[in-house]
Amino acid sequence: MAVQECRERGTAGTVACGRAARELGLKPREFELAVQLGHVRTVSVPGGRPRVAREEIERLRSGAGFPDSLRNRLWAVGTAEAAQLMGVSPARFARLARAGCFAPVRFYVNRYRAVVWHYLAADLVEFADANPGLLTGRTAPGLRMELEERDDQRARSWRARRLDQLTARAADPWERAAAFAAVLDPGQLADAVPDPYERAYLSALRPDLAGIRSDSAAARDVIEKVTLAVDADEIGRHRERLAGALSAARADRPAPKPHAHLSCAAEEPQPEPESAPEPEAEPEPELRSEQGRDQGPGGEPEEARAEPVPPAGLRGWLRRLRLIA
């Protein structure tokens, strides 16, 4: 109802995402993550970027424990901080992460062209609470071998998480199909969608999965490896979901032909893939460093970022998080 009302009345009753972030006390990256996770709902308006309804801001500001409750749900940590939070060694944490025990929530590419994963602190606390046996003592030999022999699942679990986010927010069946198409390479997509008009339309609606911009070709190659499915079973699963989404989209309306698409472009701008506040100019992720240390996506050293600090004890923080969420 709120989305339809905002579409009908234009920008009345809404604010730009940048202003919404400031009113909610969130940094641009935090706001972007809040939108991806569905904690902040945006609305589409004719001819412009997504906006946030004033009612949505008031809903969040009136929530119990605001703003700490909202920021705690958006608290993302790197490997070292994650291991400390869970009370395990970095090696054990990395083994659990590679095995796909929890999905990363975002990533960036550092100056060495290596992928640096971030995880939601709330996800890690939930996993630790449900699986205490995996955090202490010696891992059973059979389980240890199974964990170590698995292919690295971090990129795959991140893709699955992003697709769930994008398809849940898709307001149009063709947008939903475009999300599934976004994780297939051009060859796979051409095989799955033989119609060139449909492929062109899906490409026009293709969402930006990573939200990372880089002038470095090497960094772009790394990002592409993370965003595209590579395993045959994962590719097959996404192709099945794409086929189902395409059937629904075709039933709704056919893909526009190029001349029709161009004639309507001025009247109906394509929806933008993400709804984050306009970012300030900042250096590329792979160039961010200070005295040889890797930096996080916000341009601050990982260990120096001002994030919520849990009280002593994992269980105490978990109880506090659940009380104010």
C-alpha atoms as a PDB file:
ATOM      1  CA  MET A   1       0.000   0.000   0.000  1.00  0.00           C
ATOM      2  CA  ALA A   2       2.784   2.449   0.925  1.00  0.00           C
ATOM      3  CA  VAL A   3       4.628   1.708  -2.325  1.00  0.00           C
ATOM      4  CA  GLN A   4       1.507   2.277  -4.429  1.00  0.00           C
ATOM      5  CA  GLU A   5       0.656   5.500  -2.610  1.00  0.00           C
ATOM      6  CA  CYS A   6       4.157   6.893  -3.164  1.00  0.00           C
ATOM      7  CA  ARG A   7       4.044   5.985  -6.846  1.00  0.00           C
ATOM      8  CA  GLU A   8       0.788   7.860  -7.190  1.00  0.00           C
ATOM      9  CA  ARG A   9       1.837  10.984  -5.327  1.00  0.00           C
ATOM     10  CA  GLY A  10       5.445  11.187  -6.589  1.00  0.00           C
ATOM     11  CA  THR A  11       7.949  12.357  -4.014  1.00  0.00           C
ATOM     12  CA  ALA A  12       5.338  13.648  -1.550  1.00  0.00           C
ATOM     13  CA  GLY A  13       5.796  12.035   1.825  1.00  0.00           C
ATOM     14  CA  THR A  14       9.229  10.647   0.959  1.00  0.00           C
ATOM     15  CA  VAL A  15      12.844  11.720   1.435  1.00  0.00           C
ATOM     16  CA  ALA A  16      16.029  10.997  -0.479  1.00  0.00           C
ATOM     17  CA  CYS A  17      18.049   8.017   0.701  1.00  0.00           C
ATOM     18  CA  GLY A  18      20.944  10.218   1.814  1.00  0.00           C
ATOM     19  CA  ARG A  19      18.679  12.244   4.070  1.00  0.00           C
ATOM     20  CA  ALA A  20      16.993   9.085   5.358  1.00  0.00           C
ATOM     21  CA  ALA A  21      20.403   7.672   6.311  1.00  0.00           C
ATOM     22  CA  ARG A  22      21.259  10.816   8.265  1.00  0.00           C
ATOM     23  CA  GLU A  23      17.924  10.845  10.077  1.00  0.00           C
ATOM     24  CA  LEU A  24      18.414   7.195  11.023  1.00  0.00           C
ATOM     25  CA  GLY A  25      21.989   7.819  12.189  1.00  0.00           C
ATOM     26  CA  LEU A  26      23.488   5.441   9.611  1.00  0.00           C
ATOM     27  CA  LYS A  27      26.629   5.728   7.514  1.00  0.00           C
ATOM     28  CA  PRO A  28      26.145   5.269   3.743  1.00  0.00           C
ATOM     29  CA  ARG A  29      27.446   1.680   3.822  1.00  0.00           C
ATOM     30  CA  GLU A  30      25.227   0.866   6.795  1.00  0.00           C
ATOM     31  CA  PHE A  31      22.197   2.309   5.032  1.00  0.00           C
ATOM     32  CA  GLU A  32      22.988   0.347   1.878  1.00  0.00           C
ATOM     33  CA  LEU A  33      23.196  -2.831   3.938  1.00  0.00           C
ATOM     34  CA  ALA A  34      19.955  -1.969   5.761  1.00  0.00           C
ATOM     35  CA  VAL A  35      18.158  -1.703   2.418  1.00  0.00           C
ATOM     36  CA  GLN A  36      19.654  -4.966   1.158  1.00  0.00           C
ATOM     37  CA  LEU A  37      18.592  -6.810   4.304  1.00  0.00           C
ATOM     38  CA  GLY A  38      15.102  -5.342   4.229  1.00  0.00           C
ATOM     39  CA  HIS A  39      15.444  -3.425   7.499  1.00  0.00           C
ATOM     40  CA  VAL A  40      14.749  -0.162   5.631  1.00  0.00           C
ATOM     41  CA  ARG A  41      12.086  -0.278   2.934  1.00  0.00           C
ATOM     42  CA  THR A  42      12.409   2.026  -0.064  1.00  0.00           C
ATOM     43  CA  VAL A  43       9.787   3.088  -2.597  1.00  0.00           C
ATOM     44  CA  SER A  44      10.024   3.783  -6.314  1.00  0.00           C
ATOM     45  CA  VAL A  45       8.956   7.146  -7.671  1.00  0.00           C
ATOM     46  CA  PRO A  46       8.504   8.107 -11.331  1.00  0.00           C
ATOM     47  CA  GLY A  47      11.660   9.394 -12.977  1.00  0.00           C
ATOM     48  CA  GLY A  48      13.987   9.297 -10.003  1.00  0.00           C
ATOM     49  CA  ARG A  49      16.081   7.273  -7.592  1.00  0.00           C
ATOM     50  CA  PRO A  50      14.382   5.164  -4.914  1.00  0.00           C
ATOM     51  CA  ARG A  51      13.331   7.113  -1.830  1.00  0.00           C
ATOM     52  CA  VAL A  52      12.233   6.365   1.713  1.00  0.00           C
ATOM     53  CA  ALA A  53       8.728   7.076   2.957  1.00  0.00           C
ATOM     54  CA  ARG A  54       8.496   9.383   5.943  1.00  0.00           C
ATOM     55  CA  GLU A  55       6.315   6.756   7.651  1.00  0.00           C
ATOM     56  CA  GLU A  56       9.154   4.232   7.307  1.00  0.00           C
ATOM     57  CA  ILE A  57      11.607   6.565   9.037  1.00  0.00           C
ATOM     58  CA  GLU A  58       9.153   7.202  11.856  1.00  0.00           C
ATOM     59  CA  ARG A  59       8.528   3.462  12.203  1.00  0.00           C
ATOM     60  CA  LEU A  60      12.233   2.781  12.657  1.00  0.00           C
ATOM     61  CA  ARG A  61      12.858   5.744  14.945  1.00  0.00           C
ATOM     62  CA  SER A  62      10.014   4.680  17.233  1.00  0.00           C
ATOM     63  CA  GLY A  63      11.354   1.137  17.584  1.00  0.00           C
ATOM     64  CA  ALA A  64      12.617  -0.082  20.955  1.00  0.00           C
ATOM     65  CA  GLY A  65      16.287   0.657  21.531  1.00  0.00           C
ATOM     66  CA  PHE A  66      16.699   2.920  18.498  1.00  0.00           C
ATOM     67  CA  PRO A  67      19.287   3.660  17.166  1.00  0.00           C
ATOM     68  CA  ASP A  68      21.415   0.940  18.801  1.00  0.00           C
ATOM     69  CA  SER A  69      18.962  -1.835  17.958  1.00  0.00           C
ATOM     70  CA  LEU A  70      19.097  -0.973  14.252  1.00  0.00           C
ATOM     71  CA  ARG A  71      22.877  -0.534  14.124  1.00  0.00           C
ATOM     72  CA  ASN A  72      23.435  -3.832  15.950  1.00  0.00           C
ATOM     73  CA  ARG A  73      21.460  -5.646  13.258  1.00  0.00           C
ATOM     74  CA  LEU A  74      23.757  -4.035  10.660  1.00  0.00           C
ATOM     75  CA  TRP A  75      27.021  -4.715  12.487  1.00  0.00           C
ATOM     76  CA  ALA A  76      29.290  -6.450   9.951  1.00  0.00           C
ATOM     77  CA  VAL A  77      32.677  -7.837  10.989  1.00  0.00           C
ATOM     78  CA  GLY A  78      35.759  -9.214   9.260  1.00  0.00           C
ATOM     79  CA  THR A  79      37.473 -12.512   9.989  1.00  0.00           C
ATOM     80  CA  ALA A  80      39.597 -11.392  12.945  1.00  0.00           C
ATOM     81  CA  GLU A  81      36.756  -9.636  14.760  1.00  0.00           C
ATOM     82  CA  ALA A  82      34.353 -12.459  13.918  1.00  0.00           C
ATOM     83  CA  ALA A  83      36.673 -15.061  15.433  1.00  0.00           C
ATOM     84  CA  GLN A  84      37.057 -12.950  18.565  1.00  0.00           C
ATOM     85  CA  LEU A  85      33.293 -12.490  18.836  1.00  0.00           C
ATOM     86  CA  MET A  86      32.700 -16.243  18.596  1.00  0.00           C
ATOM     87  CA  GLY A  87      35.574 -17.085  20.909  1.00  0.00           C
ATOM     88  CA  VAL A  88      37.433 -19.272  18.402  1.00  0.00           C
ATOM     89  CA  SER A  89      40.769 -19.098  16.628  1.00  0.00           C
ATOM     90  CA  PRO A  90      40.917 -17.376  13.227  1.00  0.00           C
ATOM     91  CA  ALA A  91      41.828 -20.733  11.674  1.00  0.00           C
ATOM     92  CA  ARG A  92      38.746 -22.438  13.097  1.00  0.00           C
ATOM     93  CA  PHE A  93      36.541 -19.545  12.052  1.00  0.00           C
ATOM     94  CA  ALA A  94      37.947 -19.621   8.503  1.00  0.00           C
ATOM     95  CA  ARG A  95      37.306 -23.370   8.305  1.00  0.00           C
ATOM     96  CA  LEU A  96      33.662 -22.898   9.340  1.00  0.00           C
ATOM     97  CA  ALA A  97      33.213 -19.965   6.946  1.00  0.00           C
ATOM     98  CA  ARG A  98      34.692 -21.821   3.964  1.00  0.00           C
ATOM     99  CA  ALA A  99      32.406 -24.754   4.722  1.00  0.00           C
ATOM    100  CA  GLY A 100      29.376 -22.499   4.368  1.00  0.00           C
ATOM    101  CA  CYS A 101      28.231 -22.613   7.988  1.00  0.00           C
ATOM    102  CA  PHE A 102      27.160 -18.964   7.669  1.00  0.00           C
ATOM    103  CA  ALA A 103      26.830 -16.684   4.656  1.00  0.00           C
ATOM    104  CA  PRO A 104      28.903 -13.524   4.181  1.00  0.00           C
ATOM    105  CA  VAL A 105      26.849 -10.378   3.910  1.00  0.00           C
ATOM    106  CA  ARG A 106      29.254  -8.368   1.737  1.00  0.00           C
ATOM    107  CA  PHE A 107      32.834  -8.270   0.441  1.00  0.00           C
ATOM    108  CA  TYR A 108      35.442  -5.960  -1.000  1.00  0.00           C
ATOM    109  CA  VAL A 109      38.690  -6.424  -2.929  1.00  0.00           C
ATOM    110  CA  ASN A 110      41.836  -5.259  -1.148  1.00  0.00           C
ATOM    111  CA  ARG A 111      45.008  -3.862  -2.670  1.00  0.00           C
ATOM    112  CA  TYR A 112      46.366  -7.387  -3.178  1.00  0.00           C
ATOM    113  CA  ARG A 113      43.296  -8.252  -5.301  1.00  0.00           C
ATOM    114  CA  ALA A 114      42.125 -10.602  -2.556  1.00  0.00           C
ATOM    115  CA  VAL A 115      38.483 -10.923  -1.522  1.00  0.00           C
ATOM    116  CA  VAL A 116      37.811  -9.763   2.044  1.00  0.00           C
ATOM    117  CA  TRP A 117      34.545 -11.107   3.440  1.00  0.00           C
ATOM    118  CA  HIS A 118      32.326  -9.495   6.064  1.00  0.00           C
ATOM    119  CA  TYR A 119      29.708 -11.278   8.167  1.00  0.00           C
ATOM    120  CA  LEU A 120      26.753 -10.092  10.202  1.00  0.00           C
ATOM    121  CA  ALA A 121      27.617 -10.255  13.893  1.00  0.00           C
ATOM    122  CA  ALA A 122      24.034 -11.307  14.648  1.00  0.00           C
ATOM    123  CA  ASP A 123      24.384 -14.326  12.311  1.00  0.00           C
ATOM    124  CA  LEU A 124      27.587 -15.411  14.021  1.00  0.00           C
ATOM    125  CA  VAL A 125      26.075 -15.131  17.495  1.00  0.00           C
ATOM    126  CA  GLU A 126      23.066 -17.162  16.384  1.00  0.00           C
ATOM    127  CA  PHE A 127      25.322 -19.873  14.917  1.00  0.00           C
ATOM    128  CA  ALA A 128      27.492 -19.959  18.029  1.00  0.00           C
ATOM    129  CA  ASP A 129      24.452 -20.330  20.255  1.00  0.00           C
ATOM    130  CA  ALA A 130      23.074 -23.211  18.150  1.00  0.00           C
ATOM    131  CA  ASN A 131      26.386 -25.053  17.625  1.00  0.00           C
ATOM    132  CA  PRO A 132      28.535 -24.773  20.760  1.00  0.00           C
ATOM    133  CA  GLY A 133      30.207 -28.114  20.005  1.00  0.00           C
ATOM    134  CA  LEU A 134      31.861 -26.688  16.902  1.00  0.00           C
ATOM    135  CA  LEU A 135      33.501 -23.864  18.834  1.00  0.00           C
ATOM    136  CA  THR A 136      35.443 -25.625  21.570  1.00  0.00           C
ATOM    137  CA  GLY A 137      37.647 -28.671  21.903  1.00  0.00           C
ATOM    138  CA  ARG A 138      38.957 -30.845  19.104  1.00  0.00           C
ATOM    139  CA  THR A 139      36.734 -31.208  16.068  1.00  0.00           C
ATOM    140  CA  ALA A 140      35.776 -34.819  15.414  1.00  0.00           C
ATOM    141  CA  PRO A 141      38.137 -36.261  12.758  1.00  0.00           C
ATOM    142  CA  GLY A 142      35.321 -37.132  10.379  1.00  0.00           C
ATOM    143  CA  LEU A 143      33.703 -33.711  10.646  1.00  0.00           C
ATOM    144  CA  ARG A 144      37.058 -31.967  10.394  1.00  0.00           C
ATOM    145  CA  MET A 145      37.872 -33.821   7.186  1.00  0.00           C
ATOM    146  CA  GLU A 146      34.435 -33.038   5.771  1.00  0.00           C
ATOM    147  CA  LEU A 147      34.830 -29.348   6.524  1.00  0.00           C
ATOM    148  CA  GLU A 148      38.336 -29.162   5.088  1.00  0.00           C
ATOM    149  CA  GLU A 149      37.505 -31.103   1.916  1.00  0.00           C
ATOM    150  CA  ARG A 150      34.532 -28.964   0.966  1.00  0.00           C
ATOM    151  CA  ASP A 151      35.038 -26.405  -1.761  1.00  0.00           C
ATOM    152  CA  ASP A 152      35.059 -22.829  -0.502  1.00  0.00           C
ATOM    153  CA  GLN A 153      31.366 -22.009  -0.135  1.00  0.00           C
ATOM    154  CA  ARG A 154      31.671 -18.332   0.771  1.00  0.00           C
ATOM    155  CA  ALA A 155      31.054 -16.894  -2.703  1.00  0.00           C
ATOM    156  CA  ARG A 156      28.230 -19.333  -3.364  1.00  0.00           C
ATOM    157  CA  SER A 157      26.488 -18.609  -0.063  1.00  0.00           C
ATOM    158  CA  TRP A 158      26.921 -14.857  -0.637  1.00  0.00           C
ATOM    159  CA  ARG A 159      25.318 -15.184  -4.097  1.00  0.00           C
ATOM    160  CA  ALA A 160      22.407 -17.120  -2.630  1.00  0.00           C
ATOM    161  CA  ARG A 161      21.905 -14.461   0.016  1.00  0.00           C
ATOM    162  CA  ARG A 162      22.003 -11.614  -2.508  1.00  0.00           C
ATOM    163  CA  LEU A 163      19.542 -13.357  -4.820  1.00  0.00           C
ATOM    164  CA  ASP A 164      17.128 -13.848  -1.937  1.00  0.00           C
ATOM    165  CA  GLN A 165      17.414 -10.135  -1.136  1.00  0.00           C
ATOM    166  CA  LEU A 166      16.936  -9.005  -4.736  1.00  0.00           C
ATOM    167  CA  THR A 167      14.048 -11.313  -5.589  1.00  0.00           C
ATOM    168  CA  ALA A 168      12.253 -10.411  -2.371  1.00  0.00           C
ATOM    169  CA  ARG A 169      12.415  -6.724  -3.325  1.00  0.00           C
ATOM    170  CA  ALA A 170      11.573  -7.195  -7.011  1.00  0.00           C
ATOM    171  CA  ALA A 171       8.366  -5.327  -7.819  1.00  0.00           C
ATOM    172  CA  ASP A 172       8.139  -6.739 -11.335  1.00  0.00           C
ATOM    173  CA  PRO A 173       8.414 -10.328 -12.701  1.00  0.00           C
ATOM    174  CA  TRP A 174      11.022  -9.272 -15.243  1.00  0.00           C
ATOM    175  CA  GLU A 175      13.131  -7.734 -12.465  1.00  0.00           C
ATOM    176  CA  ARG A 176      12.922 -11.028 -10.597  1.00  0.00           C
ATOM    177  CA  ALA A 177      14.072 -12.936 -13.682  1.00  0.00           C
ATOM    178  CA  ALA A 178      16.918 -10.442 -14.199  1.00  0.00           C
ATOM    179  CA  ALA A 179      18.228 -11.199 -10.707  1.00  0.00           C
ATOM    180  CA  PHE A 180      18.620 -14.891 -11.537  1.00  0.00           C
ATOM    181  CA  ALA A 181      20.154 -14.014 -14.902  1.00  0.00           C
ATOM    182  CA  ALA A 182      22.755 -11.807 -13.192  1.00  0.00           C
ATOM    183  CA  VAL A 183      24.699 -14.786 -11.788  1.00  0.00           C
ATOM    184  CA  LEU A 184      25.034 -16.557 -15.165  1.00  0.00           C
ATOM    185  CA  ASP A 185      27.882 -15.837 -17.563  1.00  0.00           C
ATOM    186  CA  PRO A 186      26.990 -14.701 -21.121  1.00  0.00           C
ATOM    187  CA  GLY A 187      27.305 -18.213 -22.558  1.00  0.00           C
ATOM    188  CA  GLN A 188      25.041 -19.749 -19.922  1.00  0.00           C
ATOM    189  CA  LEU A 189      22.544 -16.924 -20.283  1.00  0.00           C
ATOM    190  CA  ALA A 190      22.415 -17.257 -24.083  1.00  0.00           C
ATOM    191  CA  ASP A 191      21.732 -20.972 -23.711  1.00  0.00           C
ATOM    192  CA  ALA A 192      19.069 -20.423 -21.056  1.00  0.00           C
ATOM    193  CA  VAL A 193      17.379 -17.487 -22.847  1.00  0.00           C
ATOM    194  CA  PRO A 194      17.624 -17.974 -26.633  1.00  0.00           C
ATOM    195  CA  ASP A 195      15.393 -14.981 -27.469  1.00  0.00           C
ATOM    196  CA  PRO A 196      17.730 -11.984 -28.054  1.00  0.00           C
ATOM    197  CA  TYR A 197      15.008  -9.464 -27.118  1.00  0.00           C
ATOM    198  CA  GLU A 198      14.466 -11.165 -23.778  1.00  0.00           C
ATOM    199  CA  ARG A 199      18.213 -11.308 -23.113  1.00  0.00           C
ATOM    200  CA  ALA A 200      18.551  -7.607 -23.934  1.00  0.00           C
ATOM    201  CA  TYR A 201      15.690  -6.738 -21.589  1.00  0.00           C
ATOM    202  CA  LEU A 202      17.143  -8.855 -18.780  1.00  0.00           C
ATOM    203  CA  SER A 203      20.498  -7.137 -19.296  1.00  0.00           C
ATOM    204  CA  ALA A 204      18.831  -3.724 -19.070  1.00  0.00           C
ATOM    205  CA  LEU A 205      17.242  -4.726 -15.746  1.00  0.00           C
ATOM    206  CA  ARG A 206      20.338  -6.542 -14.460  1.00  0.00           C
ATOM    207  CA  PRO A 207      20.970  -5.619 -10.801  1.00  0.00           C
ATOM    208  CA  ASP A 208      24.389  -4.713  -9.465  1.00  0.00           C
ATOM    209  CA  LEU A 209      25.036  -7.628  -7.114  1.00  0.00           C
ATOM    210  CA  ALA A 210      28.263  -6.410  -5.529  1.00  0.00           C
ATOM    211  CA  GLY A 211      27.818  -2.639  -5.628  1.00  0.00           C
ATOM    212  CA  ILE A 212      31.591  -2.227  -6.015  1.00  0.00           C
ATOM    213  CA  ARG A 213      33.090   0.134  -8.592  1.00  0.00           C
ATOM    214  CA  SER A 214      36.704  -0.134  -9.682  1.00  0.00           C
ATOM    215  CA  ASP A 215      38.888   1.305 -12.420  1.00  0.00           C
ATOM    216  CA  SER A 216      41.171  -1.721 -12.140  1.00  0.00           C
ATOM    217  CA  ALA A 217      40.573  -4.481 -14.686  1.00  0.00           C
ATOM    218  CA  ALA A 218      42.185  -6.997 -12.321  1.00  0.00           C
ATOM    219  CA  ALA A 219      39.820  -6.037  -9.501  1.00  0.00           C
ATOM    220  CA  ARG A 220      36.824  -6.245 -11.839  1.00  0.00           C
ATOM    221  CA  ASP A 221      37.888  -9.752 -12.804  1.00  0.00           C
ATOM    222  CA  VAL A 222      37.965 -10.745  -9.132  1.00  0.00           C
ATOM    223  CA  ILE A 223      34.526  -9.245  -8.545  1.00  0.00           C
ATOM    224  CA  GLU A 224      33.140 -11.108 -11.554  1.00  0.00           C
ATOM    225  CA  LYS A 225      34.461 -14.406 -10.203  1.00  0.00           C
ATOM    226  CA  VAL A 226      32.543 -13.804  -6.997  1.00  0.00           C
ATOM    227  CA  THR A 227      29.288 -12.736  -8.641  1.00  0.00           C
ATOM    228  CA  LEU A 228      29.046 -15.473 -11.307  1.00  0.00           C
ATOM    229  CA  ALA A 229      28.065 -19.060 -10.550  1.00  0.00           C
ATOM    230  CA  VAL A 230      30.716 -21.621 -11.480  1.00  0.00           C
ATOM    231  CA  ASP A 231      29.666 -25.039 -10.136  1.00  0.00           C
ATOM    232  CA  ALA A 232      27.490 -27.109 -12.442  1.00  0.00           C
ATOM    233  CA  ASP A 233      24.918 -27.814  -9.734  1.00  0.00           C
ATOM    234  CA  GLU A 234      24.643 -24.143  -8.767  1.00  0.00           C
ATOM    235  CA  ILE A 235      24.347 -23.092 -12.409  1.00  0.00           C
ATOM    236  CA  GLY A 236      21.658 -25.694 -12.950  1.00  0.00           C
ATOM    237  CA  ARG A 237      19.716 -24.525  -9.910  1.00  0.00           C
ATOM    238  CA  HIS A 238      19.806 -20.885 -11.013  1.00  0.00           C
ATOM    239  CA  ARG A 239      18.794 -21.828 -14.545  1.00  0.00           C
ATOM    240  CA  GLU A 240      15.768 -23.660 -13.172  1.00  0.00           C
ATOM    241  CA  ARG A 241      14.792 -20.633 -11.112  1.00  0.00           C
ATOM    242  CA  LEU A 242      15.363 -18.364 -14.119  1.00  0.00           C
ATOM    243  CA  ALA A 243      13.108 -20.578 -16.259  1.00  0.00           C
ATOM    244  CA  GLY A 244      10.315 -20.347 -13.685  1.00  0.00           C
ATOM    245  CA  ALA A 245      10.733 -16.585 -13.345  1.00  0.00           C
ATOM    246  CA  LEU A 246      10.726 -16.156 -17.134  1.00  0.00           C
ATOM    247  CA  SER A 247       7.469 -18.097 -17.447  1.00  0.00           C
ATOM    248  CA  ALA A 248       5.838 -15.741 -14.956  1.00  0.00           C
ATOM    249  CA  ALA A 249       7.340 -12.680 -16.676  1.00  0.00           C
ATOM    250  CA  ARG A 250       6.167 -13.758 -20.138  1.00  0.00           C
ATOM    251  CA  ALA A 251       2.687 -14.358 -18.770  1.00  0.00           C
ATOM    252  CA  ASP A 252       2.687 -10.806 -17.415  1.00  0.00           C
ATOM    253  CA  ARG A 253       3.912  -9.162 -20.648  1.00  0.00           C
ATOM    254  CA  PRO A 254       6.362  -9.886 -23.482  1.00  0.00           C
ATOM    255  CA  ALA A 255       9.827  -8.411 -23.504  1.00  0.00           C
ATOM    256  CA  PRO A 256       9.816  -5.093 -25.396  1.00  0.00           C
ATOM    257  CA  LYS A 257      11.329  -4.938 -28.846  1.00  0.00           C
ATOM    258  CA  PRO A 258      14.259  -2.507 -29.235  1.00  0.00           C
ATOM    259  CA  HIS A 259      12.249   0.201 -31.022  1.00  0.00           C
ATOM    260  CA  ALA A 260       9.474   0.050 -28.416  1.00  0.00           C
ATOM    261  CA  HIS A 261      12.023   0.101 -25.598  1.00  0.00           C
ATOM    262  CA  LEU A 262      13.697   3.196 -27.029  1.00  0.00           C
ATOM    263  CA  SER A 263      10.449   5.060 -27.638  1.00  0.00           C
ATOM    264  CA  CYS A 264       9.356   4.547 -24.050  1.00  0.00           C
ATOM    265  CA  ALA A 265      12.714   5.255 -22.469  1.00  0.00           C
ATOM    266  CA  ALA A 266      12.008   8.936 -21.858  1.00  0.00           C
ATOM    267  CA  GLU A 267       8.635   8.196 -20.277  1.00  0.00           C
ATOM    268  CA  GLU A 268       9.499   5.139 -18.194  1.00  0.00           C
ATOM    269  CA  PRO A 269      13.095   5.158 -16.907  1.00  0.00           C
ATOM    270  CA  GLN A 270      14.403   1.752 -15.928  1.00  0.00           C
ATOM    271  CA  PRO A 271      14.440   1.141 -12.172  1.00  0.00           C
ATOM    272  CA  GLU A 272      17.805   1.507 -10.495  1.00  0.00           C
ATOM    273  CA  PRO A 273      19.225  -1.731  -9.057  1.00  0.00           C
ATOM    274  CA  GLU A 274      20.108  -0.539  -5.583  1.00  0.00           C
ATOM    275  CA  SER A 275      18.783   2.139  -3.278  1.00  0.00           C
ATOM    276  CA  ALA A 276      21.671   3.518  -1.317  1.00  0.00           C
ATOM    277  CA  PRO A 277      22.459   7.137  -0.473  1.00  0.00           C
ATOM    278  CA  GLU A 278      24.648   8.885  -2.984  1.00  0.00           C
ATOM    279  CA  PRO A 279      28.194   7.964  -1.887  1.00  0.00           C
ATOM    280  CA  GLU A 280      30.873  10.517  -1.303  1.00  0.00           C
ATOM    281  CA  ALA A 281      33.985  10.284  -3.425  1.00  0.00           C
ATOM    282  CA  GLU A 282      36.344   7.765  -1.881  1.00  0.00           C
ATOM    283  CA  PRO A 283      39.339   5.707  -3.016  1.00  0.00           C
ATOM    284  CA  GLU A 284      38.918   2.315  -4.605  1.00  0.00           C
ATOM    285  CA  PRO A 285      38.745  -0.591  -2.118  1.00  0.00           C
ATOM    286  CA  GLU A 286      41.972  -2.177  -3.328  1.00  0.00           C
ATOM    287  CA  LEU A 287      43.901   1.060  -2.734  1.00  0.00           C
ATOM    288  CA  ARG A 288      42.746   1.693   0.824  1.00  0.00           C
ATOM    289  CA  SER A 289      45.542   1.187   3.273  1.00  0.00           C
ATOM    290  CA  GLU A 290      47.222   2.884   6.171  1.00  0.00           C
ATOM    291  CA  GLN A 291      50.737   1.917   7.226  1.00  0.00           C
ATOM    292  CA  GLY A 292      50.380  -1.436   5.447  1.00  0.00           C
ATOM    293  CA  ARG A 293      47.067  -2.448   7.042  1.00  0.00           C
ATOM    294  CA  ASP A 294      43.997  -3.466   5.049  1.00  0.00           C
ATOM    295  CA  GLN A 295      41.081  -1.134   5.413  1.00  0.00           C
ATOM    296  CA  GLY A 296      37.384  -1.772   5.399  1.00  0.00           C
ATOM    297  CA  PRO A 297      34.900  -0.525   2.816  1.00  0.00           C
ATOM    298  CA  GLY A 298      34.381   2.688   4.782  1.00  0.00           C
ATOM    299  CA  GLY A 299      38.019   3.727   4.345  1.00  0.00           C
ATOM    300  CA  GLU A 300      38.911   3.072   8.017  1.00  0.00           C
ATOM    301  CA  PRO A 301      41.284   0.391   9.320  1.00  0.00           C
ATOM    302  CA  GLU A 302      39.330  -2.742  10.267  1.00  0.00           C
ATOM    303  CA  GLU A 303      40.480  -2.680  13.890  1.00  0.00           C
ATOM    304  CA  ALA A 304      39.884   1.064  14.249  1.00  0.00           C
ATOM    305  CA  ARG A 305      36.278   1.253  13.079  1.00  0.00           C
ATOM    306  CA  ALA A 306      33.818   2.645  15.597  1.00  0.00           C
ATOM    307  CA  GLU A 307      31.402  -0.271  15.893  1.00  0.00           C
ATOM    308  CA  PRO A 308      29.196  -1.451  18.742  1.00  0.00           C
ATOM    309  CA  VAL A 309      31.229  -3.312  21.349  1.00  0.00           C
ATOM    310  CA  PRO A 310      29.558  -6.362  22.947  1.00  0.00           C
ATOM    311  CA  PRO A 311      29.542  -6.653  26.736  1.00  0.00           C
ATOM    312  CA  ALA A 312      31.740  -9.320  28.261  1.00  0.00           C
ATOM    313  CA  GLY A 313      30.551 -12.767  27.229  1.00  0.00           C
ATOM    314  CA  LEU A 314      28.914 -13.957  24.028  1.00  0.00           C
ATOM    315  CA  ARG A 315      25.680 -15.001  25.761  1.00  0.00           C
ATOM    316  CA  GLY A 316      25.268 -11.620  27.445  1.00  0.00           C
ATOM    317  CA  TRP A 317      25.528  -9.798  24.153  1.00  0.00           C
ATOM    318  CA  LEU A 318      23.141 -12.255  22.530  1.00  0.00           C
ATOM    319  CA  ARG A 319      20.543 -11.645  25.233  1.00  0.00           C
ATOM    320  CA  ARG A 320      20.929  -7.868  24.881  1.00  0.00           C
ATOM    321  CA  LEU A 321      20.592  -8.057  21.088  1.00  0.00           C
ATOM    322  CA  ARG A 322      17.416 -10.123  21.323  1.00  0.00           C
ATOM    323  CA  LEU A 323      15.861  -7.821  23.913  1.00  0.00           C
ATOM    324  CA  ILE A 324      16.286  -4.643  21.875  1.00  0.00           C
ATOM    325  CA  ALA A 325      15.757  -6.084  18.370  1.00  0.00           C
END
